[in-house]
């Protein structure tokens, strides 16, 4: 579904991504891990069009998307959450998700079709799948940090993605919230047939969730393989796992 080959991105003299490769097959849960500064968020920014690579090729569903803008990438079926919560804090939980659903369906607010009456069933379905139905009427900014993170995933789902890209989906969460969120993510993948690419620092989360793991170090790909292969790789243990 997603293929990156020899991706490079520099900022001045700093090489943030230096020859990274990544493969994501349809239906997989794939994790990207690595020490702080390894280039993980930059890589996600390149995949979703926030940045353009200096070199390399990115393909999605067999077609090149290397240099197309973020909104076009979103239309093609890639949706994303961010390290820092990215919601509409003054809107209700329901309207946060409804806006994304309306946008994806290319509908506009008109005199004869006011936005508040549009795509209610679809919005409620997403909220239900993420356990947010009872909080649909609450102001998004009043939610706990954990629920705001889940709401951001709900907004991403409103874009009806084929590939969901999650940048540290459990950042700032308690162990209990982390466990609940990852259960939700695994459930989404199974129920909706989603392919999920995520970045995560919690190694327990990574090795209990991912079917394939790509390890980055100093901007390059050390290895991509099954969790056991990654655990046993000497370069990984030296560069990352051994530091924990």
Foldseek 3Di string as FASTA:
>chain_A
DKWWFQFWDADVPATQAGGAIDDFDFLFEEEEEADPSLNVVVVVCQQQAVDATPDTFMDDPRHTPRHPHNVVSLLVFEFEADPDQDFDQQQFLLVRQLVLLCVLVVHDADPVRHSVPPPSVVSCVLCVLLVNNVRRGPRLNPDDPLVSLSSRVSNRCSSVHQEYEYEASQPPHDPVSVVSVLVSVQVCSVPVSHGYYYYHDDVVSPLVRGQKYWYGGSNYTPDIGGSVVLVPDPVNCVRPVVVD
